Amino acid sequence: QDIRTIQALLGHKDVATTMIYTHVLNKG
C-alpha cells in the first residue's frame, strides 16, 4: 500500500510521521 494512503488513513499531518513505518519494515 502506498505511503500517502496510509498517511490519510492514520490522520498524520506530515508524511514524515508515517515514514517511521518504513524504518520498521527495513529492519536488519
PDB file of all heavy atoms in Angstrom:
ATOM      1  N   GLN A   1       0.843  -1.192   0.000  1.00  0.00           N
ATOM      2  CA  GLN A   1       0.000   0.000   0.000  1.00  0.00           C
ATOM      3  C   GLN A   1       0.876   1.238   0.000  1.00  0.00           C
ATOM      4  O   GLN A   1       1.903   1.291   0.677  1.00  0.00           O
ATOM      5  CB  GLN A   1      -0.907  -0.001   1.226  1.00  0.00           C
ATOM      6  CG  GLN A   1      -1.942   1.116   1.232  1.00  0.00           C
ATOM      7  CD  GLN A   1      -2.934   0.978   0.097  1.00  0.00           C
ATOM      8  OE1 GLN A   1      -3.644  -0.012  -0.003  1.00  0.00           O
ATOM      9  NE2 GLN A   1      -2.975   1.973  -0.779  1.00  0.00           N
ATOM     10  N   ASP A   2       0.485   2.266  -0.762  1.00  0.00           N
ATOM     11  CA  ASP A   2       1.326   3.459  -0.861  1.00  0.00           C
ATOM     12  C   ASP A   2       1.280   4.273   0.421  1.00  0.00           C
ATOM     13  O   ASP A   2       0.285   4.284   1.156  1.00  0.00           O
ATOM     14  CB  ASP A   2       0.902   4.315  -2.055  1.00  0.00           C
ATOM     15  CG  ASP A   2      -0.478   4.921  -1.862  1.00  0.00           C
ATOM     16  OD1 ASP A   2      -1.480   4.202  -2.091  1.00  0.00           O
ATOM     17  OD2 ASP A   2      -0.564   6.092  -1.474  1.00  0.00           O
ATOM     18  N   ILE A   3       2.381   4.969   0.675  1.00  0.00           N
ATOM     19  CA  ILE A   3       2.571   5.678   1.940  1.00  0.00           C
ATOM     20  C   ILE A   3       1.570   6.816   2.115  1.00  0.00           C
ATOM     21  O   ILE A   3       1.140   7.109   3.231  1.00  0.00           O
ATOM     22  CB  ILE A   3       4.022   6.209   2.041  1.00  0.00           C
ATOM     23  CG1 ILE A   3       4.351   6.647   3.463  1.00  0.00           C
ATOM     24  CG2 ILE A   3       4.268   7.339   1.053  1.00  0.00           C
ATOM     25  CD1 ILE A   3       4.586   5.520   4.412  1.00  0.00           C
ATOM     26  N   ARG A   4       1.163   7.478   1.028  1.00  0.00           N
ATOM     27  CA  ARG A   4       0.235   8.607   1.128  1.00  0.00           C
ATOM     28  C   ARG A   4      -1.155   8.141   1.572  1.00  0.00           C
ATOM     29  O   ARG A   4      -1.823   8.827   2.350  1.00  0.00           O
ATOM     30  CB  ARG A   4       0.134   9.326  -0.215  1.00  0.00           C
ATOM     31  CG  ARG A   4       1.387  10.092  -0.603  1.00  0.00           C
ATOM     32  CD  ARG A   4       1.593  11.316   0.278  1.00  0.00           C
ATOM     33  NE  ARG A   4       2.764  12.091  -0.140  1.00  0.00           N
ATOM     34  CZ  ARG A   4       3.169  13.211   0.441  1.00  0.00           C
ATOM     35  NH1 ARG A   4       2.478  13.695   1.470  1.00  0.00           N
ATOM     36  NH2 ARG A   4       4.231  13.846   0.023  1.00  0.00           N
ATOM     37  N   THR A   5      -1.579   6.999   1.090  1.00  0.00           N
ATOM     38  CA  THR A   5      -2.873   6.466   1.512  1.00  0.00           C
ATOM     39  C   THR A   5      -2.839   6.094   2.991  1.00  0.00           C
ATOM     40  O   THR A   5      -3.788   6.372   3.732  1.00  0.00           O
ATOM     41  CB  THR A   5      -3.236   5.227   0.677  1.00  0.00           C
ATOM     42  OG1 THR A   5      -3.340   5.599  -0.692  1.00  0.00           O
ATOM     43  CG2 THR A   5      -4.559   4.625   1.135  1.00  0.00           C
ATOM     44  N   ILE A   6      -1.747   5.486   3.413  1.00  0.00           N
ATOM     45  CA  ILE A   6      -1.614   5.125   4.824  1.00  0.00           C
ATOM     46  C   ILE A   6      -1.583   6.386   5.684  1.00  0.00           C
ATOM     47  O   ILE A   6      -2.170   6.429   6.767  1.00  0.00           O
ATOM     48  CB  ILE A   6      -0.344   4.281   5.035  1.00  0.00           C
ATOM     49  CG1 ILE A   6      -0.486   2.948   4.285  1.00  0.00           C
ATOM     50  CG2 ILE A   6      -0.099   4.033   6.524  1.00  0.00           C
ATOM     51  CD1 ILE A   6       0.754   2.094   4.296  1.00  0.00           C
ATOM     52  N   GLN A   7      -0.915   7.423   5.206  1.00  0.00           N
ATOM     53  CA  GLN A   7      -0.891   8.701   5.928  1.00  0.00           C
ATOM     54  C   GLN A   7      -2.315   9.225   6.139  1.00  0.00           C
ATOM     55  O   GLN A   7      -2.675   9.664   7.235  1.00  0.00           O
ATOM     56  CB  GLN A   7      -0.088   9.738   5.138  1.00  0.00           C
ATOM     57  CG  GLN A   7      -0.096  11.136   5.763  1.00  0.00           C
ATOM     58  CD  GLN A   7       0.441  12.201   4.825  1.00  0.00           C
ATOM     59  OE1 GLN A   7       0.861  11.908   3.701  1.00  0.00           O
ATOM     60  NE2 GLN A   7       0.443  13.445   5.276  1.00  0.00           N
ATOM     61  N   ALA A   8      -3.136   9.156   5.089  1.00  0.00           N
ATOM     62  CA  ALA A   8      -4.525   9.633   5.188  1.00  0.00           C
ATOM     63  C   ALA A   8      -5.336   8.778   6.150  1.00  0.00           C
ATOM     64  O   ALA A   8      -6.136   9.293   6.938  1.00  0.00           O
ATOM     65  CB  ALA A   8      -5.165   9.644   3.803  1.00  0.00           C
ATOM     66  N   LEU A   9      -5.148   7.463   6.106  1.00  0.00           N
ATOM     67  CA  LEU A   9      -5.894   6.563   6.986  1.00  0.00           C
ATOM     68  C   LEU A   9      -5.532   6.785   8.447  1.00  0.00           C
ATOM     69  O   LEU A   9      -6.383   6.698   9.335  1.00  0.00           O
ATOM     70  CB  LEU A   9      -5.621   5.112   6.599  1.00  0.00           C
ATOM     71  CG  LEU A   9      -6.218   4.633   5.276  1.00  0.00           C
ATOM     72  CD1 LEU A   9      -5.687   3.253   4.918  1.00  0.00           C
ATOM     73  CD2 LEU A   9      -7.738   4.622   5.331  1.00  0.00           C
ATOM     74  N   LEU A  10      -4.257   7.088   8.705  1.00  0.00           N
ATOM     75  CA  LEU A  10      -3.804   7.304  10.075  1.00  0.00           C
ATOM     76  C   LEU A  10      -4.106   8.713  10.570  1.00  0.00           C
ATOM     77  O   LEU A  10      -4.111   8.960  11.775  1.00  0.00           O
ATOM     78  CB  LEU A  10      -2.299   7.048  10.181  1.00  0.00           C
ATOM     79  CG  LEU A  10      -1.828   5.598   9.968  1.00  0.00           C
ATOM     80  CD1 LEU A  10      -0.307   5.533   9.969  1.00  0.00           C
ATOM     81  CD2 LEU A  10      -2.391   4.682  11.048  1.00  0.00           C
ATOM     82  N   GLY A  11      -4.331   9.646   9.650  1.00  0.00           N
ATOM     83  CA  GLY A  11      -4.599  11.024  10.051  1.00  0.00           C
ATOM     84  C   GLY A  11      -3.351  11.796  10.408  1.00  0.00           C
ATOM     85  O   GLY A  11      -3.404  12.746  11.200  1.00  0.00           O
ATOM     86  N   HIS A  12      -2.202  11.424   9.806  1.00  0.00           N
ATOM     87  CA  HIS A  12      -0.958  12.155  10.058  1.00  0.00           C
ATOM     88  C   HIS A  12      -0.940  13.444   9.251  1.00  0.00           C
ATOM     89  O   HIS A  12      -1.245  13.433   8.053  1.00  0.00           O
ATOM     90  CB  HIS A  12       0.255  11.303   9.676  1.00  0.00           C
ATOM     91  CG  HIS A  12       0.517  10.182  10.628  1.00  0.00           C
ATOM     92  ND1 HIS A  12       1.301   9.095  10.304  1.00  0.00           N
ATOM     93  CD2 HIS A  12       0.118   9.973  11.910  1.00  0.00           C
ATOM     94  CE1 HIS A  12       1.365   8.270  11.333  1.00  0.00           C
ATOM     95  NE2 HIS A  12       0.650   8.788  12.317  1.00  0.00           N
ATOM     96  N   LYS A  13      -0.551  14.534   9.872  1.00  0.00           N
ATOM     97  CA  LYS A  13      -0.457  15.820   9.181  1.00  0.00           C
ATOM     98  C   LYS A  13       0.693  15.816   8.191  1.00  0.00           C
ATOM     99  O   LYS A  13       0.599  16.369   7.093  1.00  0.00           O
ATOM    100  CB  LYS A  13      -0.278  16.942  10.214  1.00  0.00           C
ATOM    101  CG  LYS A  13      -0.200  18.335   9.611  1.00  0.00           C
ATOM    102  CD  LYS A  13      -0.066  19.387  10.696  1.00  0.00           C
ATOM    103  CE  LYS A  13       0.002  20.783  10.099  1.00  0.00           C
ATOM    104  NZ  LYS A  13       0.152  21.816  11.175  1.00  0.00           N
ATOM    105  N   ASP A  14       1.817  15.219   8.588  1.00  0.00           N
ATOM    106  CA  ASP A  14       3.033  15.201   7.778  1.00  0.00           C
ATOM    107  C   ASP A  14       3.382  13.769   7.415  1.00  0.00           C
ATOM    108  O   ASP A  14       3.385  12.888   8.280  1.00  0.00           O
ATOM    109  CB  ASP A  14       4.175  15.850   8.575  1.00  0.00           C
ATOM    110  CG  ASP A  14       5.405  16.130   7.728  1.00  0.00           C
ATOM    111  OD1 ASP A  14       5.572  15.476   6.688  1.00  0.00           O
ATOM    112  OD2 ASP A  14       6.213  16.993   8.121  1.00  0.00           O
ATOM    113  N   VAL A  15       3.701  13.536   6.149  1.00  0.00           N
ATOM    114  CA  VAL A  15       4.049  12.185   5.715  1.00  0.00           C
ATOM    115  C   VAL A  15       5.317  11.696   6.409  1.00  0.00           C
ATOM    116  O   VAL A  15       5.544  10.483   6.528  1.00  0.00           O
ATOM    117  CB  VAL A  15       4.217  12.139   4.180  1.00  0.00           C
ATOM    118  CG1 VAL A  15       5.496  12.853   3.747  1.00  0.00           C
ATOM    119  CG2 VAL A  15       4.202  10.696   3.681  1.00  0.00           C
ATOM    120  N   ALA A  16       6.142  12.627   6.913  1.00  0.00           N
ATOM    121  CA  ALA A  16       7.363  12.234   7.619  1.00  0.00           C
ATOM    122  C   ALA A  16       7.025  11.398   8.854  1.00  0.00           C
ATOM    123  O   ALA A  16       7.784  10.511   9.248  1.00  0.00           O
ATOM    124  CB  ALA A  16       8.167  13.467   8.014  1.00  0.00           C
ATOM    125  N   THR A  17       5.877  11.690   9.477  1.00  0.00           N
ATOM    126  CA  THR A  17       5.449  10.905  10.638  1.00  0.00           C
ATOM    127  C   THR A  17       5.137   9.472  10.221  1.00  0.00           C
ATOM    128  O   THR A  17       5.479   8.515  10.923  1.00  0.00           O
ATOM    129  CB  THR A  17       4.200  11.538  11.285  1.00  0.00           C
ATOM    130  OG1 THR A  17       4.472  12.910  11.567  1.00  0.00           O
ATOM    131  CG2 THR A  17       3.832  10.825  12.574  1.00  0.00           C
ATOM    132  N   THR A  18       4.509   9.327   9.066  1.00  0.00           N
ATOM    133  CA  THR A  18       4.164   7.994   8.570  1.00  0.00           C
ATOM    134  C   THR A  18       5.403   7.229   8.124  1.00  0.00           C
ATOM    135  O   THR A  18       5.427   5.990   8.181  1.00  0.00           O
ATOM    136  CB  THR A  18       3.178   8.120   7.387  1.00  0.00           C
ATOM    137  OG1 THR A  18       2.193   9.105   7.705  1.00  0.00           O
ATOM    138  CG2 THR A  18       2.478   6.792   7.111  1.00  0.00           C
ATOM    139  N   MET A  19       6.426   7.949   7.696  1.00  0.00           N
ATOM    140  CA  MET A  19       7.631   7.313   7.162  1.00  0.00           C
ATOM    141  C   MET A  19       8.351   6.456   8.202  1.00  0.00           C
ATOM    142  O   MET A  19       9.176   5.614   7.848  1.00  0.00           O
ATOM    143  CB  MET A  19       8.593   8.370   6.616  1.00  0.00           C
ATOM    144  CG  MET A  19       8.123   9.053   5.344  1.00  0.00           C
ATOM    145  SD  MET A  19       8.024   7.919   3.937  1.00  0.00           S
ATOM    146  CE  MET A  19       9.760   7.596   3.648  1.00  0.00           C
ATOM    147  N   ILE A  20       8.055   6.658   9.475  1.00  0.00           N
ATOM    148  CA  ILE A  20       8.719   5.857  10.508  1.00  0.00           C
ATOM    149  C   ILE A  20       8.443   4.374  10.304  1.00  0.00           C
ATOM    150  O   ILE A  20       9.271   3.520  10.646  1.00  0.00           O
ATOM    151  CB  ILE A  20       8.292   6.302  11.928  1.00  0.00           C
ATOM    152  CG1 ILE A  20       9.213   5.662  12.984  1.00  0.00           C
ATOM    153  CG2 ILE A  20       6.842   5.935  12.205  1.00  0.00           C
ATOM    154  CD1 ILE A  20       8.995   6.198  14.373  1.00  0.00           C
ATOM    155  N   TYR A  21       7.304   4.053   9.691  1.00  0.00           N
ATOM    156  CA  TYR A  21       6.972   2.646   9.488  1.00  0.00           C
ATOM    157  C   TYR A  21       7.820   2.006   8.395  1.00  0.00           C
ATOM    158  O   TYR A  21       7.969   0.788   8.352  1.00  0.00           O
ATOM    159  CB  TYR A  21       5.478   2.487   9.184  1.00  0.00           C
ATOM    160  CG  TYR A  21       4.626   2.980  10.328  1.00  0.00           C
ATOM    161  CD1 TYR A  21       3.881   4.142  10.222  1.00  0.00           C
ATOM    162  CD2 TYR A  21       4.602   2.294  11.540  1.00  0.00           C
ATOM    163  CE1 TYR A  21       3.121   4.608  11.290  1.00  0.00           C
ATOM    164  CE2 TYR A  21       3.847   2.752  12.607  1.00  0.00           C
ATOM    165  CZ  TYR A  21       3.116   3.904  12.476  1.00  0.00           C
ATOM    166  OH  TYR A  21       2.375   4.374  13.535  1.00  0.00           O
ATOM    167  N   THR A  22       8.384   2.822   7.518  1.00  0.00           N
ATOM    168  CA  THR A  22       9.308   2.268   6.521  1.00  0.00           C
ATOM    169  C   THR A  22      10.595   1.814   7.201  1.00  0.00           C
ATOM    170  O   THR A  22      11.238   0.868   6.762  1.00  0.00           O
ATOM    171  CB  THR A  22       9.634   3.286   5.422  1.00  0.00           C
ATOM    172  OG1 THR A  22      10.331   4.407   5.991  1.00  0.00           O
ATOM    173  CG2 THR A  22       8.365   3.778   4.736  1.00  0.00           C
ATOM    174  N   HIS A  23      10.966   2.488   8.281  1.00  0.00           N
ATOM    175  CA  HIS A  23      12.152   2.076   9.038  1.00  0.00           C
ATOM    176  C   HIS A  23      11.895   0.755   9.755  1.00  0.00           C
ATOM    177  O   HIS A  23      12.791  -0.067   9.908  1.00  0.00           O
ATOM    178  CB  HIS A  23      12.546   3.159  10.053  1.00  0.00           C
ATOM    179  CG  HIS A  23      12.944   4.458   9.406  1.00  0.00           C
ATOM    180  ND1 HIS A  23      13.946   4.545   8.483  1.00  0.00           N
ATOM    181  CD2 HIS A  23      12.460   5.714   9.550  1.00  0.00           C
ATOM    182  CE1 HIS A  23      14.076   5.806   8.078  1.00  0.00           C
ATOM    183  NE2 HIS A  23      13.182   6.535   8.714  1.00  0.00           N
ATOM    184  N   VAL A  24      10.666   0.575  10.205  1.00  0.00           N
ATOM    185  CA  VAL A  24      10.316  -0.696  10.843  1.00  0.00           C
ATOM    186  C   VAL A  24      10.374  -1.824   9.818  1.00  0.00           C
ATOM    187  O   VAL A  24      10.843  -2.924  10.097  1.00  0.00           O
ATOM    188  CB  VAL A  24       8.905  -0.619  11.467  1.00  0.00           C
ATOM    189  CG1 VAL A  24       8.509  -1.959  12.051  1.00  0.00           C
ATOM    190  CG2 VAL A  24       8.862   0.456  12.553  1.00  0.00           C
ATOM    191  N   LEU A  25       9.913  -1.531   8.598  1.00  0.00           N
ATOM    192  CA  LEU A  25       9.958  -2.528   7.539  1.00  0.00           C
ATOM    193  C   LEU A  25      11.388  -2.929   7.199  1.00  0.00           C
ATOM    194  O   LEU A  25      11.695  -4.088   6.978  1.00  0.00           O
ATOM    195  CB  LEU A  25       9.299  -1.968   6.270  1.00  0.00           C
ATOM    196  CG  LEU A  25       7.793  -2.095   6.116  1.00  0.00           C
ATOM    197  CD1 LEU A  25       7.374  -1.499   4.791  1.00  0.00           C
ATOM    198  CD2 LEU A  25       7.356  -3.542   6.196  1.00  0.00           C
ATOM    199  N   ASN A  26      12.264  -1.919   7.151  1.00  0.00           N
ATOM    200  CA  ASN A  26      13.641  -2.156   6.724  1.00  0.00           C
ATOM    201  C   ASN A  26      14.525  -2.613   7.863  1.00  0.00           C
ATOM    202  O   ASN A  26      15.661  -2.157   8.012  1.00  0.00           O
ATOM    203  CB  ASN A  26      14.220  -0.868   6.112  1.00  0.00           C
ATOM    204  CG  ASN A  26      13.521  -0.503   4.824  1.00  0.00           C
ATOM    205  OD1 ASN A  26      13.028  -1.369   4.127  1.00  0.00           O
ATOM    206  ND2 ASN A  26      13.462   0.780   4.525  1.00  0.00           N
ATOM    207  N   LYS A  27      14.019  -3.463   8.687  1.00  0.00           N
ATOM    208  CA  LYS A  27      14.805  -3.966   9.804  1.00  0.00           C
ATOM    209  C   LYS A  27      15.956  -4.817   9.287  1.00  0.00           C
ATOM    210  O   LYS A  27      15.933  -5.306   8.163  1.00  0.00           O
ATOM    211  CB  LYS A  27      13.915  -4.785  10.743  1.00  0.00           C
ATOM    212  CG  LYS A  27      13.203  -5.942  10.072  1.00  0.00           C
ATOM    213  CD  LYS A  27      12.201  -6.576  11.005  1.00  0.00           C
ATOM    214  CE  LYS A  27      11.442  -7.680  10.279  1.00  0.00           C
ATOM    215  NZ  LYS A  27      10.446  -8.312  11.146  1.00  0.00           N
ATOM    216  N   GLY A  28      16.940  -5.019  10.130  1.00  0.00           N
ATOM    217  CA  GLY A  28      18.083  -5.810   9.708  1.00  0.00           C
ATOM    218  C   GLY A  28      18.995  -5.043   8.786  1.00  0.00           C
ATOM    219  O   GLY A  28      19.366  -5.504   7.715  1.00  0.00           O
TER     220      GLY A  28
END
